[in-house]
Amino acid sequence: MEVITILLTALVIILTYFIIRQMTYWSSRKVPHLRPIPLVGNTTFFFTGSQSPAEFSRQIYLKHPELPYIGLMNFNTPTLLINSPEIIKEIFIKNFDNNPDHLSFITEDFDPILGKNVFSLRGDRWRQVRGALTPTFTATKMKFLFTLMAEVSRNVIKHLEDHPQDCELLDAKDLFTRYANDVIATSAFGLSVDSLKDRTNEFYLRGKDATNLTGISRIFKFVMGIMFPRMMRLLGQTYLSKDTNRFFIDLIREEVKRRDLEKVVRPDMIHLLMQARGDKISSNDIVAQAFIFFLAGFDTTSTLMSFVVHQLAFHQDIQEKLHQEVEFFEEINYEHLGKLKFLEMVILETLRFFPPVVILDRVCSKRFKLPPPPGSSTQVDVEEGTVLWAPVFAMQKDSKYFPDPETFDPERFADENKGNVDPCVYMPFGVGPRKCIGERFAMMEIKLMLARLVKKFWILPSEKSNKEIVFDKKSLNLVPKGGIWVKLERRKV
């Protein structure tokens, strides 16, 4: 009985300390902050589904426009929402060495293999792996990967031409997810997959499962993996479902084994990682990097292409201007992509509306000071472990930086206007040394598919189309509720 009493007393003391620290952390530092809920903090939306992260961050941003930063508690983790482009520049670029890491969503404590991915790695280990991956995305490598990508895009267009009945009511996300799936299969894994013909191939189905971040239970597992990785591992949990986890691990290991035995040379990601094997890159590193490339490209590119066709369907004047640009080229090759200036402007403006990551994060690894908040003369001491958030979605919709922000206007990104765009406000691919390494690959993949689609088809609203997109509150990223549906009408040659 005494033991139980001692344990209960200890638990009460721990919880009391936990709550007092949580409730007083920012007030004791005289930082403007949101009042946390005991134990939970300020991020209840993760579990209640009452708001998406995009809505949550924008609500705070709009409510406190005069503040350069606002204190939050993510459970018991001190978090600062940074509203100032100048301070974002200091944190994410100038003083990068103080804040070099992401808040890892798959740590090695949670998943010892996939936790080695370049997004989650920290410190010197991140620098080593990033350095090994960088040669994958040079112009020379992109030109080779273009030939693989071009074949996949031709298959998509041919499928649409051969199945006009599918074009009457087209699920854009489904179409582009299958395209992205096949592009990654060939360019990263060395596999030939046709997900439009073989609609239930395992590579595609496992990808759908791996990238599903919708639903309370999935979000709960995601958050618990961040907050309590070792406990989740002890419980036998992994980021992916066990079957999907095993599928990708076995697939990549078998491909590496096959290439070693058959002396296969194919200048893609797996080949480059195999070349880097040694002290810096292990077999498990190859699995982790190939998987994160898949995870990053499978959902984000297909979602962005869906948003682009939605905007084109409801902005026929912009679509016609784009068609005139792509029609000039009889057959679009790698060199032509760089000349499609208006297409790039359309994509960049779509990214302003719908960034793939709505909040960028960094974790403080070395103490530094922030300028005093309004009404104070004392600098704020940011401690190790503090999470720093840049509200990308909110800033890219701010009229202070983008006049008339709810108007879709690609001209914002014309050559003569690009100088007006602050790179610490417009951050769809991130900012600083940890900016998305696959940006060039993603833009090539998106440009190629959209150019061929607009060249061959009119994109029109369908009977299920809604001009105003409503986001699913139960998703961590921007997912349109009900999907995006369009109609394709074959253009007359």
Protein backbone atom coordinates (compact mmCIF):
# COMPACT_ATOMS: atom_id res chain seq x y z
CA MET A 1 0.00 0.00 0.00
CA GLU A 2 2.87 2.33 0.86
CA VAL A 3 4.47 1.67 -2.52
CA ILE A 4 1.26 2.65 -4.32
CA THR A 5 1.01 5.81 -2.22
CA ILE A 6 4.61 6.73 -3.03
CA LEU A 7 4.05 6.11 -6.76
CA LEU A 8 0.84 8.17 -6.79
CA THR A 9 2.55 10.98 -4.91
CA ALA A 10 5.44 10.95 -7.37
CA LEU A 11 3.00 11.01 -10.28
CA VAL A 12 1.14 13.99 -8.81
CA ILE A 13 4.43 15.86 -8.29
CA ILE A 14 5.55 15.16 -11.87
CA LEU A 15 2.20 16.22 -13.33
CA THR A 16 2.12 19.33 -11.17
CA TYR A 17 5.61 20.32 -12.34
CA PHE A 18 4.63 19.53 -15.93
CA ILE A 19 1.51 21.72 -15.76
CA ILE A 20 3.18 24.63 -13.90
CA ARG A 21 6.03 24.71 -16.44
CA GLN A 22 3.58 24.50 -19.31
CA MET A 23 1.32 27.27 -17.99
CA THR A 24 4.11 29.68 -16.99
CA TYR A 25 6.85 29.02 -19.56
CA TRP A 26 6.18 31.98 -21.86
CA SER A 27 4.66 34.34 -19.29
CA SER A 28 7.78 34.05 -17.12
CA ARG A 29 9.83 35.13 -20.14
CA LYS A 30 7.44 38.00 -20.91
CA VAL A 31 6.75 36.63 -24.39
CA PRO A 32 3.32 37.33 -25.99
CA HIS A 33 1.61 33.94 -26.01
CA LEU A 34 -1.59 31.93 -26.18
CA ARG A 35 -2.84 30.57 -22.88
CA PRO A 36 -2.34 26.78 -23.00
CA ILE A 37 -4.79 24.13 -21.84
CA PRO A 38 -3.23 22.10 -18.99
CA LEU A 39 -1.41 18.97 -20.24
CA VAL A 40 -2.60 19.42 -23.85
CA GLY A 41 -1.15 22.85 -24.60
CA ASN A 42 -2.38 24.86 -27.60
CA THR A 43 -2.58 22.14 -30.27
CA THR A 44 -5.83 20.35 -29.39
CA PHE A 45 -6.81 20.48 -33.07
CA PHE A 46 -4.47 17.51 -33.66
CA PHE A 47 -6.91 15.28 -31.78
CA THR A 48 -10.28 17.00 -32.12
CA GLY A 49 -10.15 17.62 -35.87
CA SER A 50 -11.69 21.05 -35.21
CA GLN A 51 -9.12 22.82 -37.40
CA SER A 52 -6.45 21.94 -39.89
CA PRO A 53 -2.87 23.09 -39.12
CA ALA A 54 -3.25 25.63 -41.95
CA GLU A 55 -6.38 27.15 -40.38
CA PHE A 56 -4.87 27.06 -36.88
CA SER A 57 -1.70 28.92 -37.88
CA ARG A 58 -3.56 31.45 -40.05
CA GLN A 59 -6.06 32.23 -37.30
CA ILE A 60 -3.24 33.08 -34.87
CA TYR A 61 -1.32 34.99 -37.54
CA LEU A 62 -4.31 37.19 -38.46
CA LYS A 63 -5.28 37.75 -34.83
CA HIS A 64 -1.86 39.15 -33.87
CA PRO A 65 -0.44 40.94 -36.94
CA GLU A 66 1.50 43.39 -34.76
CA LEU A 67 3.57 40.67 -33.07
CA PRO A 68 6.84 39.37 -34.61
CA TYR A 69 6.41 36.07 -32.74
CA ILE A 70 3.90 34.33 -30.47
CA GLY A 71 4.56 31.69 -27.82
CA LEU A 72 2.68 28.37 -27.88
CA MET A 73 2.92 25.05 -26.08
CA ASN A 74 2.82 21.95 -28.26
CA PHE A 75 1.99 19.63 -25.34
CA ASN A 76 5.01 20.47 -23.18
CA THR A 77 7.28 21.64 -25.99
CA PRO A 78 7.81 25.43 -26.13
CA THR A 79 7.01 26.63 -29.65
CA LEU A 80 7.32 30.04 -31.29
CA LEU A 81 5.16 31.00 -34.28
CA ILE A 82 7.33 33.50 -36.18
CA ASN A 83 5.35 36.18 -38.05
CA SER A 84 8.28 38.31 -39.18
CA PRO A 85 10.15 37.66 -42.48
CA GLU A 86 13.23 39.35 -41.00
CA ILE A 87 13.29 36.98 -38.02
CA ILE A 88 12.58 33.97 -40.30
CA LYS A 89 15.65 35.00 -42.30
CA GLU A 90 17.73 35.16 -39.11
CA ILE A 91 16.55 31.73 -37.89
CA PHE A 92 16.34 29.73 -41.13
CA ILE A 93 19.29 31.24 -43.05
CA LYS A 94 21.72 33.55 -41.21
CA ASN A 95 21.81 31.60 -37.93
CA PHE A 96 21.07 28.22 -39.45
CA ASP A 97 23.72 26.52 -37.31
CA ASN A 98 21.72 27.40 -34.19
CA ASN A 99 18.55 25.86 -35.66
CA PRO A 100 19.62 23.26 -38.21
CA ASP A 101 17.10 20.49 -37.65
CA HIS A 102 13.49 19.61 -38.31
CA LEU A 103 11.15 18.31 -35.66
CA SER A 104 11.55 14.77 -36.94
CA PHE A 105 8.35 12.98 -37.86
CA ILE A 106 10.07 9.58 -38.16
CA THR A 107 12.97 9.31 -35.73
CA GLU A 108 15.38 6.39 -35.39
CA ASP A 109 13.93 5.86 -31.90
CA PHE A 110 10.50 5.34 -33.52
CA ASP A 111 11.59 3.52 -36.69
CA PRO A 112 15.30 2.53 -36.80
CA ILE A 113 15.41 2.20 -40.60
CA LEU A 114 13.07 4.85 -42.02
CA GLY A 115 14.20 7.22 -39.26
CA LYS A 116 17.48 7.59 -41.16
CA ASN A 117 15.80 9.66 -43.91
CA VAL A 118 17.39 12.99 -44.86
CA PHE A 119 14.37 15.01 -43.65
CA SER A 120 14.64 13.62 -40.11
CA LEU A 121 18.41 13.37 -39.73
CA ARG A 122 20.19 15.94 -37.60
CA GLY A 123 23.54 17.67 -37.35
CA ASP A 124 26.58 16.22 -39.08
CA ARG A 125 24.70 13.09 -40.10
CA TRP A 126 22.22 15.21 -42.06
CA ARG A 127 25.09 17.05 -43.78
CA GLN A 128 26.72 13.77 -44.81
CA VAL A 129 23.58 12.27 -46.31
CA ARG A 130 22.44 15.54 -47.91
CA GLY A 131 25.84 15.79 -49.56
CA ALA A 132 25.54 12.24 -50.89
CA LEU A 133 22.07 12.95 -52.31
CA THR A 134 22.81 16.32 -53.93
CA PRO A 135 24.40 14.86 -57.13
CA THR A 136 21.09 13.12 -57.87
CA PHE A 137 19.49 16.45 -58.70
CA THR A 138 22.05 18.06 -61.02
CA ALA A 139 20.98 19.24 -64.48
CA THR A 140 22.75 16.28 -66.09
CA LYS A 141 20.87 13.77 -63.95
CA MET A 142 17.59 15.60 -64.51
CA LYS A 143 18.04 15.32 -68.26
CA PHE A 144 18.40 11.55 -67.99
CA LEU A 145 15.42 11.24 -65.64
CA PHE A 146 13.38 13.36 -68.06
CA THR A 147 13.47 10.54 -70.62
CA LEU A 148 11.97 8.12 -68.08
CA MET A 149 9.41 10.70 -66.99
CA ALA A 150 8.48 11.54 -70.58
CA GLU A 151 7.47 7.94 -71.28
CA VAL A 152 5.19 7.90 -68.24
CA SER A 153 3.54 11.21 -69.23
CA ARG A 154 2.94 9.94 -72.77
CA ASN A 155 1.22 6.87 -71.31
CA VAL A 156 -1.10 9.12 -69.28
CA ILE A 157 -2.09 11.23 -72.29
CA LYS A 158 -2.64 8.15 -74.44
CA HIS A 159 -4.83 6.61 -71.74
CA LEU A 160 -6.99 9.75 -71.64
CA GLU A 161 -7.26 9.80 -75.44
CA ASP A 162 -8.23 6.12 -75.51
CA HIS A 163 -10.80 6.47 -72.71
CA PRO A 164 -12.90 9.58 -73.48
CA GLN A 165 -15.61 8.33 -71.14
CA ASP A 166 -13.21 8.80 -68.20
CA CYS A 167 -12.72 12.43 -69.19
CA GLU A 168 -16.36 13.40 -68.64
CA LEU A 169 -15.88 13.29 -64.88
CA LEU A 170 -12.23 12.99 -63.92
CA ASP A 171 -10.85 12.61 -60.42
CA ALA A 172 -7.76 14.80 -60.83
CA LYS A 173 -6.03 13.61 -57.67
CA ASP A 174 -6.41 9.96 -58.66
CA LEU A 175 -5.03 10.60 -62.17
CA PHE A 176 -2.01 12.58 -60.99
CA THR A 177 -1.28 10.25 -58.07
CA ARG A 178 -1.00 7.37 -60.53
CA TYR A 179 1.27 9.47 -62.74
CA ALA A 180 3.49 10.48 -59.78
CA ASN A 181 3.57 6.87 -58.58
CA ASP A 182 4.83 5.61 -61.94
CA VAL A 183 7.37 8.44 -62.27
CA ILE A 184 8.90 7.63 -58.88
CA ALA A 185 8.81 3.89 -59.56
CA THR A 186 10.95 4.28 -62.67
CA SER A 187 13.20 7.20 -61.65
CA ALA A 188 14.01 6.15 -58.08
CA PHE A 189 13.33 2.42 -57.85
CA GLY A 190 14.10 1.24 -61.38
CA LEU A 191 10.65 -0.33 -61.74
CA SER A 192 8.26 -0.21 -64.67
CA VAL A 193 4.69 0.30 -63.40
CA ASP A 194 1.55 1.38 -65.27
CA SER A 195 -0.95 2.35 -62.60
CA LEU A 196 -3.60 3.44 -65.10
CA LYS A 197 -3.78 -0.05 -66.60
CA ASP A 198 -2.96 -2.05 -63.48
CA ARG A 199 -5.01 0.03 -61.05
CA THR A 200 -4.41 -2.18 -58.03
CA ASN A 201 -0.67 -2.79 -58.37
CA GLU A 202 0.96 -3.20 -54.99
CA PHE A 203 3.43 -0.34 -55.42
CA TYR A 204 0.56 2.11 -55.87
CA LEU A 205 -1.57 0.70 -53.04
CA ARG A 206 1.35 0.75 -50.61
CA GLY A 207 2.10 4.32 -51.62
CA LYS A 208 -1.49 5.35 -50.92
CA ASP A 209 -1.26 3.79 -47.49
CA ALA A 210 2.14 5.35 -46.71
CA THR A 211 1.06 8.89 -47.59
CA ASN A 212 -2.34 8.84 -45.91
CA LEU A 213 -2.25 11.51 -43.17
CA THR A 214 -6.02 11.92 -42.93
CA GLY A 215 -8.14 10.79 -40.01
CA ILE A 216 -7.89 11.14 -36.26
CA SER A 217 -6.27 7.73 -35.65
CA ARG A 218 -3.52 8.34 -38.24
CA ILE A 219 -2.84 11.84 -36.92
CA PHE A 220 -2.76 10.48 -33.35
CA LYS A 221 -0.12 7.91 -34.33
CA PHE A 222 1.85 10.59 -36.19
CA VAL A 223 1.84 12.95 -33.18
CA MET A 224 2.62 10.20 -30.66
CA GLY A 225 5.56 9.12 -32.82
CA ILE A 226 6.94 12.66 -32.62
CA MET A 227 6.28 13.14 -28.90
CA PHE A 228 7.01 9.65 -27.56
CA PRO A 229 9.07 7.75 -30.17
CA ARG A 230 10.65 5.22 -27.82
CA MET A 231 7.34 4.34 -26.19
CA MET A 232 5.76 3.79 -29.64
CA ARG A 233 8.65 1.54 -30.62
CA LEU A 234 8.29 -0.49 -27.40
CA LEU A 235 4.62 -0.91 -28.27
CA GLY A 236 5.67 -2.38 -31.63
CA GLN A 237 4.41 0.61 -33.62
CA THR A 238 6.07 1.93 -36.78
CA TYR A 239 5.26 5.02 -38.83
CA LEU A 240 3.84 2.86 -41.62
CA SER A 241 1.60 -0.14 -41.25
CA LYS A 242 3.71 -3.26 -40.73
CA ASP A 243 2.91 -4.69 -44.19
CA THR A 244 3.71 -1.42 -45.98
CA ASN A 245 6.90 -0.99 -43.94
CA ARG A 246 8.08 -4.47 -44.89
CA PHE A 247 7.09 -4.02 -48.55
CA PHE A 248 9.30 -0.96 -49.08
CA ILE A 249 12.23 -2.31 -47.08
CA ASP A 250 12.21 -5.62 -48.98
CA LEU A 251 11.67 -3.91 -52.35
CA ILE A 252 14.64 -1.57 -52.00
CA ARG A 253 16.97 -4.18 -50.53
CA GLU A 254 16.16 -6.64 -53.31
CA GLU A 255 16.77 -3.97 -55.95
CA VAL A 256 20.16 -3.11 -54.43
CA LYS A 257 21.04 -6.81 -54.30
CA ARG A 258 19.98 -7.31 -57.94
CA ARG A 259 22.08 -4.38 -59.14
CA ASP A 260 25.11 -5.60 -57.21
CA LEU A 261 24.83 -9.10 -58.68
CA GLU A 262 24.01 -8.06 -62.25
CA LYS A 263 26.33 -5.01 -62.27
CA VAL A 264 23.40 -2.79 -63.25
CA VAL A 265 24.30 0.89 -63.76
CA ARG A 266 21.31 3.22 -63.88
CA PRO A 267 21.93 6.88 -62.93
CA ASP A 268 19.09 7.26 -60.46
CA MET A 269 18.86 7.76 -56.71
CA ILE A 270 19.51 4.16 -55.71
CA HIS A 271 22.60 3.97 -57.93
CA LEU A 272 24.05 7.18 -56.47
CA LEU A 273 23.43 5.99 -52.92
CA MET A 274 25.01 2.63 -53.74
CA GLN A 275 28.09 4.48 -55.00
CA ALA A 276 28.28 6.38 -51.71
CA ARG A 277 28.18 3.23 -49.56
CA GLY A 278 30.89 3.01 -46.94
CA ASP A 279 31.47 4.89 -43.72
CA LYS A 280 28.86 7.52 -44.57
CA ILE A 281 26.06 5.57 -46.28
CA SER A 282 24.86 2.12 -45.19
CA SER A 283 22.31 -0.24 -46.77
CA ASN A 284 19.70 1.03 -44.30
CA ASP A 285 20.45 4.61 -45.41
CA ILE A 286 19.65 3.63 -49.00
CA VAL A 287 16.28 2.23 -47.89
CA ALA A 288 15.48 5.37 -45.89
CA GLN A 289 16.42 7.89 -48.62
CA ALA A 290 14.65 6.00 -51.41
CA PHE A 291 11.55 5.82 -49.24
CA ILE A 292 11.51 9.52 -48.24
CA PHE A 293 11.90 10.44 -51.92
CA PHE A 294 8.83 8.35 -52.62
CA LEU A 295 6.90 9.75 -49.66
CA ALA A 296 7.69 13.37 -50.60
CA GLY A 297 6.91 12.98 -54.29
CA PHE A 298 3.92 10.65 -54.27
CA ASP A 299 1.42 12.96 -52.61
CA THR A 300 2.74 16.51 -52.86
CA THR A 301 3.23 16.64 -56.64
CA SER A 302 -0.09 14.97 -57.40
CA THR A 303 -1.92 17.31 -55.03
CA LEU A 304 -0.27 20.37 -56.58
CA MET A 305 -1.16 19.27 -60.13
CA SER A 306 -4.76 18.78 -58.98
CA PHE A 307 -4.85 22.32 -57.61
CA VAL A 308 -3.38 23.67 -60.88
CA VAL A 309 -6.04 22.03 -63.08
CA HIS A 310 -8.74 23.26 -60.71
CA GLN A 311 -7.49 26.83 -61.15
CA LEU A 312 -7.25 26.44 -64.91
CA ALA A 313 -10.79 25.07 -65.09
CA PHE A 314 -12.12 28.21 -63.41
CA HIS A 315 -9.77 30.67 -65.17
CA GLN A 316 -10.24 29.97 -68.86
CA ASP A 317 -8.38 33.12 -69.92
CA ILE A 318 -5.27 31.92 -68.09
CA GLN A 319 -5.69 28.45 -69.55
CA GLU A 320 -5.93 29.84 -73.08
CA LYS A 321 -2.75 31.88 -72.61
CA LEU A 322 -1.02 28.76 -71.33
CA HIS A 323 -2.27 26.71 -74.29
CA GLN A 324 -0.82 29.26 -76.71
CA GLU A 325 2.54 28.89 -75.00
CA VAL A 326 2.69 25.07 -75.06
CA GLU A 327 1.17 24.80 -78.56
CA PHE A 328 4.26 26.48 -79.95
CA PHE A 329 6.27 23.29 -79.29
CA GLU A 330 5.43 20.31 -81.46
CA GLU A 331 7.00 17.81 -79.05
CA ILE A 332 8.05 19.00 -75.59
CA ASN A 333 11.61 18.02 -74.68
CA TYR A 334 13.86 18.78 -71.70
CA GLU A 335 15.17 22.07 -73.13
CA HIS A 336 11.64 23.32 -73.83
CA LEU A 337 10.64 23.13 -70.15
CA GLY A 338 12.90 26.06 -69.30
CA LYS A 339 11.18 28.15 -71.99
CA LEU A 340 7.66 27.59 -70.63
CA LYS A 341 7.72 30.78 -68.56
CA PHE A 342 3.97 31.24 -68.21
CA LEU A 343 3.49 27.62 -67.15
CA GLU A 344 6.03 28.18 -64.38
CA MET A 345 4.18 31.35 -63.32
CA VAL A 346 0.92 29.40 -63.08
CA ILE A 347 2.56 26.70 -60.96
CA LEU A 348 4.23 29.24 -58.64
CA GLU A 349 0.97 31.10 -58.08
CA THR A 350 -0.78 27.80 -57.34
CA LEU A 351 1.95 27.06 -54.80
CA ARG A 352 1.24 30.43 -53.20
CA PHE A 353 -2.40 29.44 -52.71
CA PHE A 354 -1.69 25.83 -51.76
CA PRO A 355 1.82 25.26 -50.32
CA PRO A 356 2.74 21.57 -49.82
CA VAL A 357 3.89 22.30 -46.26
CA VAL A 358 1.71 24.82 -44.42
CA ILE A 359 4.12 25.36 -41.50
CA LEU A 360 7.92 25.12 -41.75
CA ASP A 361 9.69 24.05 -38.57
CA ARG A 362 13.14 24.14 -37.02
CA VAL A 363 14.39 23.00 -33.63
CA CYS A 364 16.79 25.17 -31.65
CA SER A 365 20.00 23.26 -30.91
CA LYS A 366 22.01 26.19 -29.56
CA ARG A 367 20.70 29.08 -27.48
CA PHE A 368 20.20 32.40 -29.23
CA LYS A 369 18.36 35.67 -28.61
CA LEU A 370 15.38 37.19 -30.39
CA PRO A 371 14.68 40.94 -30.57
CA PRO A 372 12.43 42.22 -27.76
CA PRO A 373 8.68 41.86 -28.34
CA PRO A 374 6.61 45.08 -28.63
CA GLY A 375 6.51 47.01 -25.36
CA SER A 376 9.66 45.41 -23.97
CA SER A 377 13.34 46.26 -24.04
CA THR A 378 14.53 42.78 -23.09
CA GLN A 379 15.69 40.27 -25.68
CA VAL A 380 14.12 36.80 -25.53
CA ASP A 381 16.46 33.91 -24.77
CA VAL A 382 15.47 30.92 -26.94
CA GLU A 383 16.45 27.67 -25.25
CA GLU A 384 17.62 24.41 -26.81
CA GLY A 385 14.69 22.21 -27.82
CA THR A 386 12.36 25.13 -28.61
CA VAL A 387 10.45 24.55 -31.84
CA LEU A 388 10.26 27.44 -34.32
CA TRP A 389 7.38 27.64 -36.78
CA ALA A 390 7.16 29.75 -39.95
CA PRO A 391 3.46 29.97 -40.98
CA VAL A 392 3.88 29.58 -44.76
CA PHE A 393 0.19 29.25 -45.62
CA ALA A 394 -0.74 32.33 -43.59
CA MET A 395 2.07 34.54 -44.91
CA GLN A 396 1.45 33.64 -48.54
CA LYS A 397 -2.16 34.78 -48.15
CA ASP A 398 -1.24 38.10 -46.46
CA SER A 399 -2.26 41.23 -48.40
CA LYS A 400 0.77 43.00 -46.92
CA TYR A 401 2.98 40.86 -49.16
CA PHE A 402 0.60 39.88 -51.97
CA PRO A 403 -2.02 42.52 -52.86
CA ASP A 404 -5.50 41.08 -53.38
CA PRO A 405 -4.27 37.67 -52.14
CA GLU A 406 -7.46 35.74 -52.93
CA THR A 407 -7.14 36.56 -56.65
CA PHE A 408 -5.32 33.95 -58.73
CA ASP A 409 -2.76 36.02 -60.63
CA PRO A 410 0.28 34.27 -62.21
CA GLU A 411 1.67 37.68 -63.23
CA ARG A 412 2.97 38.06 -59.67
CA PHE A 413 5.76 35.71 -60.77
CA ALA A 414 6.58 37.33 -64.12
CA ASP A 415 10.27 38.22 -64.52
CA GLU A 416 9.57 41.92 -63.96
CA ASN A 417 7.66 41.20 -60.71
CA LYS A 418 9.76 38.43 -59.14
CA GLY A 419 11.87 41.00 -57.30
CA ASN A 420 8.82 41.95 -55.23
CA VAL A 421 8.52 38.43 -53.80
CA ASP A 422 10.29 38.03 -50.45
CA PRO A 423 11.90 34.53 -50.25
CA CYS A 424 11.21 34.53 -46.49
CA VAL A 425 7.48 35.02 -47.13
CA TYR A 426 7.02 32.83 -50.20
CA MET A 427 8.42 29.47 -49.09
CA PRO A 428 6.53 26.59 -50.76
CA PHE A 429 9.73 24.51 -51.00
CA GLY A 430 11.18 25.75 -47.72
CA VAL A 431 14.01 28.22 -47.22
CA GLY A 432 17.68 28.09 -46.29
CA PRO A 433 20.09 25.13 -46.35
CA ARG A 434 17.27 22.64 -45.65
CA LYS A 435 15.21 23.78 -48.61
CA CYS A 436 13.62 20.86 -50.47
CA ILE A 437 16.37 18.98 -52.31
CA GLY A 438 13.87 17.60 -54.84
CA GLU A 439 12.45 20.95 -56.03
CA ARG A 440 14.01 20.72 -59.50
CA PHE A 441 12.77 17.16 -59.96
CA ALA A 442 9.23 18.04 -58.79
CA MET A 443 8.98 21.09 -61.07
CA MET A 444 10.15 19.07 -64.07
CA GLU A 445 7.62 16.33 -63.37
CA ILE A 446 4.76 18.82 -62.93
CA LYS A 447 5.65 21.02 -65.92
CA LEU A 448 5.92 18.07 -68.28
CA MET A 449 2.55 16.58 -67.35
CA LEU A 450 0.64 19.86 -67.36
CA ALA A 451 2.18 21.03 -70.65
CA ARG A 452 1.13 17.83 -72.41
CA LEU A 453 -2.32 17.89 -70.84
CA VAL A 454 -3.10 21.51 -71.79
CA LYS A 455 -1.73 20.94 -75.29
CA LYS A 456 -4.21 18.12 -75.91
CA PHE A 457 -7.25 18.96 -73.76
CA TRP A 458 -9.47 21.77 -72.56
CA ILE A 459 -9.80 21.59 -68.79
CA LEU A 460 -13.34 22.48 -67.74
CA PRO A 461 -15.38 22.46 -64.53
CA SER A 462 -17.35 19.24 -64.10
CA GLU A 463 -20.72 18.60 -62.49
CA LYS A 464 -18.90 17.85 -59.22
CA SER A 465 -16.61 20.91 -59.33
CA ASN A 466 -16.75 23.67 -56.72
CA LYS A 467 -14.90 26.89 -57.35
CA GLU A 468 -14.18 27.40 -53.64
CA ILE A 469 -12.03 24.62 -52.18
CA VAL A 470 -12.84 23.50 -48.65
CA PHE A 471 -10.00 21.75 -46.82
CA ASP A 472 -10.40 18.57 -44.83
CA LYS A 473 -9.96 19.56 -41.17
CA LYS A 474 -8.79 16.05 -40.27
CA SER A 475 -5.68 16.19 -42.44
CA LEU A 476 -2.23 17.53 -41.58
CA ASN A 477 -1.74 18.95 -45.08
CA LEU A 478 -4.02 20.71 -47.59
CA VAL A 479 -6.50 18.07 -48.72
CA PRO A 480 -9.60 19.28 -50.61
CA LYS A 481 -12.78 17.92 -49.06
CA GLY A 482 -14.57 15.84 -51.67
CA GLY A 483 -11.57 15.86 -53.99
CA ILE A 484 -11.00 17.82 -57.20
CA TRP A 485 -13.10 16.86 -60.21
CA VAL A 486 -12.77 18.28 -63.73
CA LYS A 487 -13.91 17.56 -67.24
CA LEU A 488 -11.45 17.13 -70.12
CA GLU A 489 -12.48 17.96 -73.67
CA ARG A 490 -10.22 16.95 -76.55
CA ARG A 491 -8.87 19.95 -78.44
CA LYS A 492 -9.22 19.97 -82.23
CA VAL A 493 -5.87 19.79 -83.99
